[in-house]
Amino acid sequence: MKTRITELLGIRYPIVQGGMQNVGYAELAAAVSNAGGLGIITGLTQPTPEDLDKEIRRCKEMTDKPFGVNLTILPTIKPVPYEEYARVICEAGIGVVETAGRNPEPFMPLFQQYGVKVVHKCTSVRHAIKAEKVGVAAVSVDGFECAGHPGEDDIPNLVLLPAAAAKLSIPMLASGGIGTGAQMAACLALGADGINMGTRFLATKEAPVHENIKQAIVAASELDTALIFRPLRNTARVYRNKVASRVNEIEREQGAQMEFGLIQDMVAGAKGKVALSDGDVDYGIWTSGMVQGLINDIPTCEALIENIVSECRQVIQERMTALMG
């Protein structure tokens, strides 16, 4: 497949594995890249910039294909040395960085100095336009269906993608709620140059999480996610487990008086990490998107990407062509 994204990133298929906290390790990134997509190491999964450098080196031992690093810039309780992480990414020779959260503008001079292509994840058209203005190479437009932080506008991809495509001149990835070839064909039809998937890659053989987590995704429907932190205007979509349900109860009880301190211990990232690694689905919060309702198996990354590409081509060549008579 040839699109502006494959040409920009130097990959065979326009399929990118999004950054996922406590999931985006070298094993998964290398598997995706070896299968023809773009794998992504999640930078802040590594506790220090030095650890990120080691993880990048480890990934290079597993693949000779391009891969990127995610750097999510968000307010944190404990200060994060973002500049040091960014410098490690540059000095390690990484060609693509996926930024998310805050505006990447403060880091653009450094990335541009090293020739790093920045793909910024956006949840609105206005943020995508701003990202283009500050010089990113591409944007990943994240619809309301996504896992993690969908923003506060609640616009699904059927509207968000063509709205963004009409305003942008740089390449655009479709992100959020995507896991099939038919959806990929739809995204391309709506103006995207490729797709970004998180949850779908979470349910693969190479994903470094417990089998219980993968089986929970397969068993879940599109209704089995929860939106937490809405009263705090920091909405996150997560798998609907006992912890998420209890957080929602507290949020309803507190209403406008809701304070993060009331749920801080329940939603601690350390507990979510344990849930993913040990397989206790209800131990902590972990992100999963509405696309889980379309996930019915746990393939290898290679099989998944080949199946998605095959289905996408079939939809375009057969179903769409047949409709045209």
C-alpha atoms as a PDB file:
ATOM      1  CA  MET A   1       0.000   0.000   0.000  1.00  0.00           C
ATOM      2  CA  LYS A   2       1.225   3.449  -0.840  1.00  0.00           C
ATOM      3  CA  THR A   3      -0.060   6.529   0.978  1.00  0.00           C
ATOM      4  CA  ARG A   4       1.476   9.738   2.276  1.00  0.00           C
ATOM      5  CA  ILE A   5       1.982   7.948   5.601  1.00  0.00           C
ATOM      6  CA  THR A   6       3.900   4.981   4.160  1.00  0.00           C
ATOM      7  CA  GLU A   7       6.129   7.394   2.273  1.00  0.00           C
ATOM      8  CA  LEU A   8       6.646   9.660   5.273  1.00  0.00           C
ATOM      9  CA  LEU A   9       7.440   6.860   7.731  1.00  0.00           C
ATOM     10  CA  GLY A  10       9.157   4.440   5.370  1.00  0.00           C
ATOM     11  CA  ILE A  11       6.820   1.529   6.122  1.00  0.00           C
ATOM     12  CA  ARG A  12       5.101  -1.103   3.979  1.00  0.00           C
ATOM     13  CA  TYR A  13       1.543  -0.629   5.270  1.00  0.00           C
ATOM     14  CA  PRO A  14      -0.095   2.549   6.650  1.00  0.00           C
ATOM     15  CA  ILE A  15      -0.672   0.979  10.056  1.00  0.00           C
ATOM     16  CA  VAL A  16       0.809   2.435  13.246  1.00  0.00           C
ATOM     17  CA  GLN A  17       0.777   0.938  16.737  1.00  0.00           C
ATOM     18  CA  GLY A  18      -0.059   3.741  19.127  1.00  0.00           C
ATOM     19  CA  GLY A  19       1.801   4.350  22.353  1.00  0.00           C
ATOM     20  CA  MET A  20       0.342   2.455  25.324  1.00  0.00           C
ATOM     21  CA  GLN A  21       1.502   2.915  28.892  1.00  0.00           C
ATOM     22  CA  ASN A  22       2.949  -0.277  30.395  1.00  0.00           C
ATOM     23  CA  VAL A  23       2.392  -2.064  27.058  1.00  0.00           C
ATOM     24  CA  GLY A  24       4.610  -0.343  24.483  1.00  0.00           C
ATOM     25  CA  TYR A  25       7.789  -2.305  25.082  1.00  0.00           C
ATOM     26  CA  ALA A  26      10.372  -3.418  22.517  1.00  0.00           C
ATOM     27  CA  GLU A  27       8.731  -6.817  21.951  1.00  0.00           C
ATOM     28  CA  LEU A  28       5.479  -5.349  20.647  1.00  0.00           C
ATOM     29  CA  ALA A  29       7.069  -2.473  18.733  1.00  0.00           C
ATOM     30  CA  ALA A  30       9.478  -4.803  16.935  1.00  0.00           C
ATOM     31  CA  ALA A  31       6.713  -7.271  16.071  1.00  0.00           C
ATOM     32  CA  VAL A  32       4.581  -4.543  14.495  1.00  0.00           C
ATOM     33  CA  SER A  33       7.502  -3.091  12.554  1.00  0.00           C
ATOM     34  CA  ASN A  34       8.617  -6.516  11.335  1.00  0.00           C
ATOM     35  CA  ALA A  35       5.059  -7.093  10.075  1.00  0.00           C
ATOM     36  CA  GLY A  36       5.202  -3.966   7.908  1.00  0.00           C
ATOM     37  CA  GLY A  37       3.652  -1.370  10.208  1.00  0.00           C
ATOM     38  CA  LEU A  38       5.271   1.151  12.539  1.00  0.00           C
ATOM     39  CA  GLY A  39       5.833  -0.087  16.070  1.00  0.00           C
ATOM     40  CA  ILE A  40       5.986   2.413  18.913  1.00  0.00           C
ATOM     41  CA  ILE A  41       7.878   2.192  22.206  1.00  0.00           C
ATOM     42  CA  THR A  42       6.090   4.143  24.940  1.00  0.00           C
ATOM     43  CA  GLY A  43       8.746   6.446  26.342  1.00  0.00           C
ATOM     44  CA  LEU A  44       7.337   7.052  29.825  1.00  0.00           C
ATOM     45  CA  THR A  45       6.781   3.334  30.434  1.00  0.00           C
ATOM     46  CA  GLN A  46      10.522   3.422  31.070  1.00  0.00           C
ATOM     47  CA  PRO A  47      11.216   4.886  34.539  1.00  0.00           C
ATOM     48  CA  THR A  48      14.204   6.990  33.438  1.00  0.00           C
ATOM     49  CA  PRO A  49      15.615   8.419  30.206  1.00  0.00           C
ATOM     50  CA  GLU A  50      18.531   5.996  30.591  1.00  0.00           C
ATOM     51  CA  ASP A  51      16.117   3.069  30.682  1.00  0.00           C
ATOM     52  CA  LEU A  52      14.460   4.357  27.520  1.00  0.00           C
ATOM     53  CA  ASP A  53      17.824   4.393  25.785  1.00  0.00           C
ATOM     54  CA  LYS A  54      18.326   0.730  26.762  1.00  0.00           C
ATOM     55  CA  GLU A  55      14.834  -0.181  25.508  1.00  0.00           C
ATOM     56  CA  ILE A  56      15.498   1.492  22.164  1.00  0.00           C
ATOM     57  CA  ARG A  57      18.738  -0.453  21.834  1.00  0.00           C
ATOM     58  CA  ARG A  58      16.887  -3.655  22.707  1.00  0.00           C
ATOM     59  CA  CYS A  59      14.292  -2.971  20.018  1.00  0.00           C
ATOM     60  CA  LYS A  60      17.021  -2.388  17.435  1.00  0.00           C
ATOM     61  CA  GLU A  61      18.270  -5.902  18.154  1.00  0.00           C
ATOM     62  CA  MET A  62      14.803  -7.282  17.288  1.00  0.00           C
ATOM     63  CA  THR A  63      14.109  -5.364  14.071  1.00  0.00           C
ATOM     64  CA  ASP A  64      15.933  -3.556  11.302  1.00  0.00           C
ATOM     65  CA  LYS A  65      12.697  -1.820  10.274  1.00  0.00           C
ATOM     66  CA  PRO A  66      11.652   1.717  11.300  1.00  0.00           C
ATOM     67  CA  PHE A  67      10.023   2.131  14.711  1.00  0.00           C
ATOM     68  CA  GLY A  68       9.130   5.165  16.781  1.00  0.00           C
ATOM     69  CA  VAL A  69       8.812   6.351  20.361  1.00  0.00           C
ATOM     70  CA  ASN A  70       5.768   7.875  22.049  1.00  0.00           C
ATOM     71  CA  LEU A  71       6.261  10.873  24.340  1.00  0.00           C
ATOM     72  CA  THR A  72       3.076  11.854  26.153  1.00  0.00           C
ATOM     73  CA  ILE A  73       3.329  15.277  27.763  1.00  0.00           C
ATOM     74  CA  LEU A  74       0.824  15.638  30.605  1.00  0.00           C
ATOM     75  CA  PRO A  75       0.651  17.197  34.063  1.00  0.00           C
ATOM     76  CA  THR A  76       1.983  14.731  36.642  1.00  0.00           C
ATOM     77  CA  ILE A  77       2.166  14.559  40.422  1.00  0.00           C
ATOM     78  CA  LYS A  78       5.883  13.795  40.171  1.00  0.00           C
ATOM     79  CA  PRO A  79       7.846  16.019  37.734  1.00  0.00           C
ATOM     80  CA  VAL A  80       8.959  14.217  34.552  1.00  0.00           C
ATOM     81  CA  PRO A  81      12.207  15.210  32.776  1.00  0.00           C
ATOM     82  CA  TYR A  82      10.551  15.448  29.355  1.00  0.00           C
ATOM     83  CA  GLU A  83      13.511  17.271  27.830  1.00  0.00           C
ATOM     84  CA  GLU A  84      15.839  14.427  28.793  1.00  0.00           C
ATOM     85  CA  TYR A  85      13.495  11.817  27.320  1.00  0.00           C
ATOM     86  CA  ALA A  86      13.269  13.863  24.115  1.00  0.00           C
ATOM     87  CA  ARG A  87      17.039  14.123  23.877  1.00  0.00           C
ATOM     88  CA  VAL A  88      17.450  10.361  24.325  1.00  0.00           C
ATOM     89  CA  ILE A  89      14.967   9.812  21.473  1.00  0.00           C
ATOM     90  CA  CYS A  90      16.995  12.115  19.230  1.00  0.00           C
ATOM     91  CA  GLU A  91      20.448  10.877  20.128  1.00  0.00           C
ATOM     92  CA  ALA A  92      19.368   7.238  19.726  1.00  0.00           C
ATOM     93  CA  GLY A  93      18.655   7.900  16.071  1.00  0.00           C
ATOM     94  CA  ILE A  94      14.873   7.450  16.247  1.00  0.00           C
ATOM     95  CA  GLY A  95      13.260   8.831  13.084  1.00  0.00           C
ATOM     96  CA  VAL A  96       9.664   9.165  14.291  1.00  0.00           C
ATOM     97  CA  VAL A  97       8.206  10.373  17.570  1.00  0.00           C
ATOM     98  CA  GLU A  98       4.517  10.221  18.462  1.00  0.00           C
ATOM     99  CA  THR A  99       3.675  13.105  20.782  1.00  0.00           C
ATOM    100  CA  ALA A 100       0.449  13.377  22.761  1.00  0.00           C
ATOM    101  CA  GLY A 101      -1.062  15.470  25.523  1.00  0.00           C
ATOM    102  CA  ARG A 102       0.201  19.026  25.508  1.00  0.00           C
ATOM    103  CA  ASN A 103       1.351  21.067  22.525  1.00  0.00           C
ATOM    104  CA  PRO A 104       4.724  19.677  21.295  1.00  0.00           C
ATOM    105  CA  GLU A 105       5.932  23.143  20.210  1.00  0.00           C
ATOM    106  CA  PRO A 106       8.569  23.507  22.981  1.00  0.00           C
ATOM    107  CA  PHE A 107      10.251  20.308  21.745  1.00  0.00           C
ATOM    108  CA  MET A 108      10.042  21.013  18.022  1.00  0.00           C
ATOM    109  CA  PRO A 109      13.430  22.772  17.674  1.00  0.00           C
ATOM    110  CA  LEU A 110      15.204  19.759  19.182  1.00  0.00           C
ATOM    111  CA  PHE A 111      13.309  17.240  17.053  1.00  0.00           C
ATOM    112  CA  GLN A 112      13.859  19.307  13.910  1.00  0.00           C
ATOM    113  CA  GLN A 113      17.558  19.647  14.685  1.00  0.00           C
ATOM    114  CA  TYR A 114      17.877  15.851  14.605  1.00  0.00           C
ATOM    115  CA  GLY A 115      15.507  15.364  11.678  1.00  0.00           C
ATOM    116  CA  VAL A 116      12.911  13.542  13.777  1.00  0.00           C
ATOM    117  CA  LYS A 117       9.442  13.413  12.199  1.00  0.00           C
ATOM    118  CA  VAL A 118       6.770  14.339  14.751  1.00  0.00           C
ATOM    119  CA  VAL A 119       3.314  12.759  14.591  1.00  0.00           C
ATOM    120  CA  HIS A 120       1.094  14.552  17.097  1.00  0.00           C
ATOM    121  CA  LYS A 121      -2.046  12.927  18.478  1.00  0.00           C
ATOM    122  CA  CYS A 122      -5.050  15.285  18.514  1.00  0.00           C
ATOM    123  CA  THR A 123      -8.659  14.911  19.681  1.00  0.00           C
ATOM    124  CA  SER A 124     -10.043  17.940  17.840  1.00  0.00           C
ATOM    125  CA  VAL A 125      -9.756  19.748  14.525  1.00  0.00           C
ATOM    126  CA  ARG A 126      -8.502  22.930  16.201  1.00  0.00           C
ATOM    127  CA  HIS A 127      -5.668  21.058  17.896  1.00  0.00           C
ATOM    128  CA  ALA A 128      -4.734  19.368  14.599  1.00  0.00           C
ATOM    129  CA  ILE A 129      -4.578  22.743  12.862  1.00  0.00           C
ATOM    130  CA  LYS A 130      -2.385  24.116  15.658  1.00  0.00           C
ATOM    131  CA  ALA A 131      -0.078  21.089  15.420  1.00  0.00           C
ATOM    132  CA  GLU A 132       0.354  21.653  11.683  1.00  0.00           C
ATOM    133  CA  LYS A 133       1.219  25.291  12.323  1.00  0.00           C
ATOM    134  CA  VAL A 134       3.993  24.414  14.790  1.00  0.00           C
ATOM    135  CA  GLY A 135       5.612  22.127  12.226  1.00  0.00           C
ATOM    136  CA  VAL A 136       4.647  18.507  12.922  1.00  0.00           C
ATOM    137  CA  ALA A 137       5.024  16.107   9.978  1.00  0.00           C
ATOM    138  CA  ALA A 138       1.643  14.442  10.488  1.00  0.00           C
ATOM    139  CA  VAL A 139      -1.212  14.210  12.954  1.00  0.00           C
ATOM    140  CA  SER A 140      -3.033  11.266  14.469  1.00  0.00           C
ATOM    141  CA  VAL A 141      -6.663  12.316  14.875  1.00  0.00           C
ATOM    142  CA  ASP A 142      -8.200  10.502  17.837  1.00  0.00           C
ATOM    143  CA  GLY A 143     -11.974  10.022  17.871  1.00  0.00           C
ATOM    144  CA  PHE A 144     -14.234   9.687  20.898  1.00  0.00           C
ATOM    145  CA  GLU A 145     -14.225   5.884  20.515  1.00  0.00           C
ATOM    146  CA  CYS A 146     -10.594   5.638  21.590  1.00  0.00           C
ATOM    147  CA  ALA A 147      -9.012   4.170  24.694  1.00  0.00           C
ATOM    148  CA  GLY A 148      -7.197   6.576  26.978  1.00  0.00           C
ATOM    149  CA  HIS A 149      -7.918  10.287  26.739  1.00  0.00           C
ATOM    150  CA  PRO A 150     -10.521  11.220  24.073  1.00  0.00           C
ATOM    151  CA  GLY A 151     -10.617  14.913  24.993  1.00  0.00           C
ATOM    152  CA  GLU A 152     -13.784  16.707  26.026  1.00  0.00           C
ATOM    153  CA  ASP A 153     -15.528  17.324  22.678  1.00  0.00           C
ATOM    154  CA  ASP A 154     -16.987  13.807  22.264  1.00  0.00           C
ATOM    155  CA  ILE A 155     -16.742  13.804  18.453  1.00  0.00           C
ATOM    156  CA  PRO A 156     -16.604  10.316  16.876  1.00  0.00           C
ATOM    157  CA  ASN A 157     -14.434   9.539  13.875  1.00  0.00           C
ATOM    158  CA  LEU A 158     -17.257   9.453  11.323  1.00  0.00           C
ATOM    159  CA  VAL A 159     -17.432  13.238  11.737  1.00  0.00           C
ATOM    160  CA  LEU A 160     -13.996  14.089  13.125  1.00  0.00           C
ATOM    161  CA  LEU A 161     -11.917  12.561  10.326  1.00  0.00           C
ATOM    162  CA  PRO A 162     -13.516  14.337   7.346  1.00  0.00           C
ATOM    163  CA  ALA A 163     -13.721  17.559   9.363  1.00  0.00           C
ATOM    164  CA  ALA A 164      -9.968  17.401  10.024  1.00  0.00           C
ATOM    165  CA  ALA A 165      -9.107  16.269   6.485  1.00  0.00           C
ATOM    166  CA  ALA A 166     -10.883  19.319   5.081  1.00  0.00           C
ATOM    167  CA  LYS A 167      -8.632  21.652   7.088  1.00  0.00           C
ATOM    168  CA  LEU A 168      -5.228  19.939   6.950  1.00  0.00           C
ATOM    169  CA  SER A 169      -2.538  19.704   4.294  1.00  0.00           C
ATOM    170  CA  ILE A 170      -0.217  17.312   6.174  1.00  0.00           C
ATOM    171  CA  PRO A 171      -0.804  13.519   6.358  1.00  0.00           C
ATOM    172  CA  MET A 172      -3.383  12.274   8.844  1.00  0.00           C
ATOM    173  CA  LEU A 173      -3.692   8.999  10.723  1.00  0.00           C
ATOM    174  CA  ALA A 174      -7.122   7.862  11.901  1.00  0.00           C
ATOM    175  CA  SER A 175      -7.026   6.749  15.528  1.00  0.00           C
ATOM    176  CA  GLY A 176      -9.597   5.445  17.977  1.00  0.00           C
ATOM    177  CA  GLY A 177     -11.964   2.497  17.689  1.00  0.00           C
ATOM    178  CA  ILE A 178     -10.198   0.884  14.721  1.00  0.00           C
ATOM    179  CA  GLY A 179      -9.421  -2.809  14.472  1.00  0.00           C
ATOM    180  CA  THR A 180     -10.610  -4.217  11.134  1.00  0.00           C
ATOM    181  CA  GLY A 181      -9.814  -3.881   7.460  1.00  0.00           C
ATOM    182  CA  ALA A 182     -13.282  -2.599   6.672  1.00  0.00           C
ATOM    183  CA  GLN A 183     -12.738   0.202   9.172  1.00  0.00           C
ATOM    184  CA  MET A 184      -9.371   0.930   7.585  1.00  0.00           C
ATOM    185  CA  ALA A 185     -11.059   1.256   4.187  1.00  0.00           C
ATOM    186  CA  ALA A 186     -13.639   3.592   5.728  1.00  0.00           C
ATOM    187  CA  CYS A 187     -10.931   5.750   7.311  1.00  0.00           C
ATOM    188  CA  LEU A 188      -9.099   6.044   3.994  1.00  0.00           C
ATOM    189  CA  ALA A 189     -12.383   7.015   2.340  1.00  0.00           C
ATOM    190  CA  LEU A 190     -12.898   9.722   4.959  1.00  0.00           C
ATOM    191  CA  GLY A 191      -9.548  11.339   4.183  1.00  0.00           C
ATOM    192  CA  ALA A 192      -7.053   9.520   6.397  1.00  0.00           C
ATOM    193  CA  ASP A 193      -3.680   8.355   5.055  1.00  0.00           C
ATOM    194  CA  GLY A 194      -3.440   5.434   7.462  1.00  0.00           C
ATOM    195  CA  ILE A 195      -4.625   4.085  10.794  1.00  0.00           C
ATOM    196  CA  ASN A 196      -3.332   4.043  14.364  1.00  0.00           C
ATOM    197  CA  MET A 197      -4.398   1.153  16.622  1.00  0.00           C
ATOM    198  CA  GLY A 198      -3.878   0.590  20.330  1.00  0.00           C
ATOM    199  CA  THR A 199      -6.423  -1.797  21.832  1.00  0.00           C
ATOM    200  CA  ARG A 200      -6.350  -4.100  18.784  1.00  0.00           C
ATOM    201  CA  PHE A 201      -2.588  -4.556  19.239  1.00  0.00           C
ATOM    202  CA  LEU A 202      -3.117  -5.156  22.961  1.00  0.00           C
ATOM    203  CA  ALA A 203      -4.929  -8.382  22.026  1.00  0.00           C
ATOM    204  CA  THR A 204      -2.025  -9.961  20.111  1.00  0.00           C
ATOM    205  CA  LYS A 205       0.402 -12.754  20.899  1.00  0.00           C
ATOM    206  CA  GLU A 206       3.335 -10.359  21.269  1.00  0.00           C
ATOM    207  CA  ALA A 207       1.641  -7.832  23.546  1.00  0.00           C
ATOM    208  CA  PRO A 208       3.553  -8.015  26.867  1.00  0.00           C
ATOM    209  CA  VAL A 209       0.477  -8.312  29.096  1.00  0.00           C
ATOM    210  CA  HIS A 210      -1.135 -11.243  30.904  1.00  0.00           C
ATOM    211  CA  GLU A 211      -3.330 -13.641  28.931  1.00  0.00           C
ATOM    212  CA  ASN A 212      -6.259 -12.796  31.234  1.00  0.00           C
ATOM    213  CA  ILE A 213      -6.225  -9.223  29.941  1.00  0.00           C
ATOM    214  CA  LYS A 214      -6.283 -10.369  26.330  1.00  0.00           C
ATOM    215  CA  GLN A 215      -9.126 -12.801  27.006  1.00  0.00           C
ATOM    216  CA  ALA A 216     -11.082 -10.057  28.801  1.00  0.00           C
ATOM    217  CA  ILE A 217     -10.845  -7.882  25.684  1.00  0.00           C
ATOM    218  CA  VAL A 218     -12.011 -10.743  23.455  1.00  0.00           C
ATOM    219  CA  ALA A 219     -14.969 -11.446  25.773  1.00  0.00           C
ATOM    220  CA  ALA A 220     -15.970  -7.784  26.102  1.00  0.00           C
ATOM    221  CA  SER A 221     -18.479  -5.882  23.979  1.00  0.00           C
ATOM    222  CA  GLU A 222     -18.391  -2.292  22.775  1.00  0.00           C
ATOM    223  CA  LEU A 223     -20.474  -1.446  25.869  1.00  0.00           C
ATOM    224  CA  ASP A 224     -17.843  -2.643  28.312  1.00  0.00           C
ATOM    225  CA  THR A 225     -15.761   0.514  28.646  1.00  0.00           C
ATOM    226  CA  ALA A 226     -16.140   3.291  31.186  1.00  0.00           C
ATOM    227  CA  LEU A 227     -15.460   7.019  30.984  1.00  0.00           C
ATOM    228  CA  ILE A 228     -13.776   8.190  34.169  1.00  0.00           C
ATOM    229  CA  PHE A 229     -12.516  11.625  35.301  1.00  0.00           C
ATOM    230  CA  ARG A 230     -15.322  13.398  33.380  1.00  0.00           C
ATOM    231  CA  PRO A 231     -16.160  15.755  36.286  1.00  0.00           C
ATOM    232  CA  LEU A 232     -12.462  16.678  36.370  1.00  0.00           C
ATOM    233  CA  ARG A 233     -12.428  17.423  32.632  1.00  0.00           C
ATOM    234  CA  ASN A 234      -9.648  14.898  32.115  1.00  0.00           C
ATOM    235  CA  THR A 235     -11.793  12.152  30.622  1.00  0.00           C
ATOM    236  CA  ALA A 236     -10.265   8.701  30.167  1.00  0.00           C
ATOM    237  CA  ARG A 237     -11.815   5.632  28.561  1.00  0.00           C
ATOM    238  CA  VAL A 238     -10.896   2.420  30.376  1.00  0.00           C
ATOM    239  CA  TYR A 239     -12.016  -1.184  30.579  1.00  0.00           C
ATOM    240  CA  ARG A 240     -15.174  -1.384  32.706  1.00  0.00           C
ATOM    241  CA  ASN A 241     -14.023  -3.416  35.705  1.00  0.00           C
ATOM    242  CA  LYS A 242     -14.916  -3.187  39.396  1.00  0.00           C
ATOM    243  CA  VAL A 243     -12.543  -0.290  40.008  1.00  0.00           C
ATOM    244  CA  ALA A 244     -13.852   1.770  37.084  1.00  0.00           C
ATOM    245  CA  SER A 245     -17.450   1.133  38.132  1.00  0.00           C
ATOM    246  CA  ARG A 246     -16.699   2.256  41.681  1.00  0.00           C
ATOM    247  CA  VAL A 247     -14.959   5.399  40.392  1.00  0.00           C
ATOM    248  CA  ASN A 248     -18.074   6.230  38.348  1.00  0.00           C
ATOM    249  CA  GLU A 249     -20.250   5.741  41.453  1.00  0.00           C
ATOM    250  CA  ILE A 250     -18.120   8.176  43.457  1.00  0.00           C
ATOM    251  CA  GLU A 251     -18.185  10.685  40.596  1.00  0.00           C
ATOM    252  CA  ARG A 252     -21.997  10.535  40.448  1.00  0.00           C
ATOM    253  CA  GLU A 253     -22.263  10.902  44.216  1.00  0.00           C
ATOM    254  CA  GLN A 254     -19.916  13.900  44.354  1.00  0.00           C
ATOM    255  CA  GLY A 255     -21.124  15.704  41.225  1.00  0.00           C
ATOM    256  CA  ALA A 256     -19.637  19.172  40.872  1.00  0.00           C
ATOM    257  CA  GLN A 257     -17.806  18.748  44.211  1.00  0.00           C
ATOM    258  CA  MET A 258     -15.692  15.882  42.846  1.00  0.00           C
ATOM    259  CA  GLU A 259     -12.018  15.985  43.840  1.00  0.00           C
ATOM    260  CA  PHE A 260      -9.271  13.759  42.477  1.00  0.00           C
ATOM    261  CA  GLY A 261      -8.052  12.924  45.974  1.00  0.00           C
ATOM    262  CA  LEU A 262     -11.178  10.842  46.571  1.00  0.00           C
ATOM    263  CA  ILE A 263     -10.144   8.318  43.913  1.00  0.00           C
ATOM    264  CA  GLN A 264      -6.397   8.832  43.657  1.00  0.00           C
ATOM    265  CA  ASP A 265      -5.420   5.579  45.355  1.00  0.00           C
ATOM    266  CA  MET A 266      -7.937   3.580  43.307  1.00  0.00           C
ATOM    267  CA  VAL A 267      -6.660   4.791  39.934  1.00  0.00           C
ATOM    268  CA  ALA A 268      -2.931   4.720  40.714  1.00  0.00           C
ATOM    269  CA  GLY A 269      -0.865   3.821  37.677  1.00  0.00           C
ATOM    270  CA  ALA A 270       1.085   1.271  39.714  1.00  0.00           C
ATOM    271  CA  LYS A 271      -2.102  -0.736  40.269  1.00  0.00           C
ATOM    272  CA  GLY A 272      -2.956  -0.651  36.581  1.00  0.00           C
ATOM    273  CA  LYS A 273       0.519  -1.930  35.781  1.00  0.00           C
ATOM    274  CA  VAL A 274       0.051  -4.854  38.175  1.00  0.00           C
ATOM    275  CA  ALA A 275      -3.323  -5.669  36.597  1.00  0.00           C
ATOM    276  CA  LEU A 276      -1.715  -5.878  33.152  1.00  0.00           C
ATOM    277  CA  SER A 277       1.259  -7.956  34.260  1.00  0.00           C
ATOM    278  CA  ASP A 278      -0.385 -10.274  36.805  1.00  0.00           C
ATOM    279  CA  GLY A 279      -3.721 -10.712  35.063  1.00  0.00           C
ATOM    280  CA  ASP A 280      -6.032  -9.545  37.864  1.00  0.00           C
ATOM    281  CA  VAL A 281      -8.511  -7.721  35.634  1.00  0.00           C
ATOM    282  CA  ASP A 282     -10.110  -5.893  38.583  1.00  0.00           C
ATOM    283  CA  TYR A 283      -6.977  -4.860  40.461  1.00  0.00           C
ATOM    284  CA  GLY A 284      -6.531  -1.441  38.852  1.00  0.00           C
ATOM    285  CA  ILE A 285      -7.488   0.829  35.978  1.00  0.00           C
ATOM    286  CA  TRP A 286      -6.334  -0.126  32.466  1.00  0.00           C
ATOM    287  CA  THR A 287      -7.303   1.425  29.171  1.00  0.00           C
ATOM    288  CA  SER A 288      -9.292  -0.292  26.451  1.00  0.00           C
ATOM    289  CA  GLY A 289     -11.350   1.189  23.618  1.00  0.00           C
ATOM    290  CA  MET A 290     -14.800   0.530  22.244  1.00  0.00           C
ATOM    291  CA  VAL A 291     -13.188  -1.503  19.453  1.00  0.00           C
ATOM    292  CA  GLN A 292     -12.942  -4.380  21.930  1.00  0.00           C
ATOM    293  CA  GLY A 293     -16.457  -5.261  20.771  1.00  0.00           C
ATOM    294  CA  LEU A 294     -14.965  -6.133  17.356  1.00  0.00           C
ATOM    295  CA  ILE A 295     -12.048  -8.191  18.692  1.00  0.00           C
ATOM    296  CA  ASN A 296     -12.637 -11.948  18.575  1.00  0.00           C
ATOM    297  CA  ASP A 297      -9.145 -13.447  18.512  1.00  0.00           C
ATOM    298  CA  ILE A 298      -5.548 -13.054  19.669  1.00  0.00           C
ATOM    299  CA  PRO A 299      -3.369 -13.309  16.541  1.00  0.00           C
ATOM    300  CA  THR A 300       0.273 -12.532  15.988  1.00  0.00           C
ATOM    301  CA  CYS A 301       0.983  -8.966  14.882  1.00  0.00           C
ATOM    302  CA  GLU A 302       1.989 -10.290  11.478  1.00  0.00           C
ATOM    303  CA  ALA A 303      -1.280 -12.200  10.995  1.00  0.00           C
ATOM    304  CA  LEU A 304      -3.317  -9.249  12.264  1.00  0.00           C
ATOM    305  CA  ILE A 305      -1.728  -6.737   9.904  1.00  0.00           C
ATOM    306  CA  GLU A 306      -1.959  -9.079   6.916  1.00  0.00           C
ATOM    307  CA  ASN A 307      -5.632  -9.768   7.663  1.00  0.00           C
ATOM    308  CA  ILE A 308      -6.452  -6.078   8.035  1.00  0.00           C
ATOM    309  CA  VAL A 309      -4.708  -5.171   4.797  1.00  0.00           C
ATOM    310  CA  SER A 310      -6.360  -8.067   2.952  1.00  0.00           C
ATOM    311  CA  GLU A 311      -9.825  -7.133   4.203  1.00  0.00           C
ATOM    312  CA  CYS A 312      -9.243  -3.467   3.412  1.00  0.00           C
ATOM    313  CA  ARG A 313      -8.276  -4.293  -0.159  1.00  0.00           C
ATOM    314  CA  GLN A 314     -11.235  -6.636  -0.544  1.00  0.00           C
ATOM    315  CA  VAL A 315     -13.693  -4.007   0.676  1.00  0.00           C
ATOM    316  CA  ILE A 316     -12.294  -1.395  -1.703  1.00  0.00           C
ATOM    317  CA  GLN A 317     -11.927  -3.667  -4.733  1.00  0.00           C
ATOM    318  CA  GLU A 318     -15.062  -5.790  -4.361  1.00  0.00           C
ATOM    319  CA  ARG A 319     -17.719  -4.236  -2.148  1.00  0.00           C
ATOM    320  CA  MET A 320     -17.167  -0.646  -3.222  1.00  0.00           C
ATOM    321  CA  THR A 321     -16.638  -1.520  -6.874  1.00  0.00           C
ATOM    322  CA  ALA A 322     -19.833  -3.606  -6.891  1.00  0.00           C
ATOM    323  CA  LEU A 323     -21.805  -0.675  -5.537  1.00  0.00           C
ATOM    324  CA  MET A 324     -20.668   1.370  -8.523  1.00  0.00           C
ATOM    325  CA  GLY A 325     -22.144  -1.217 -10.899  1.00  0.00           C
END
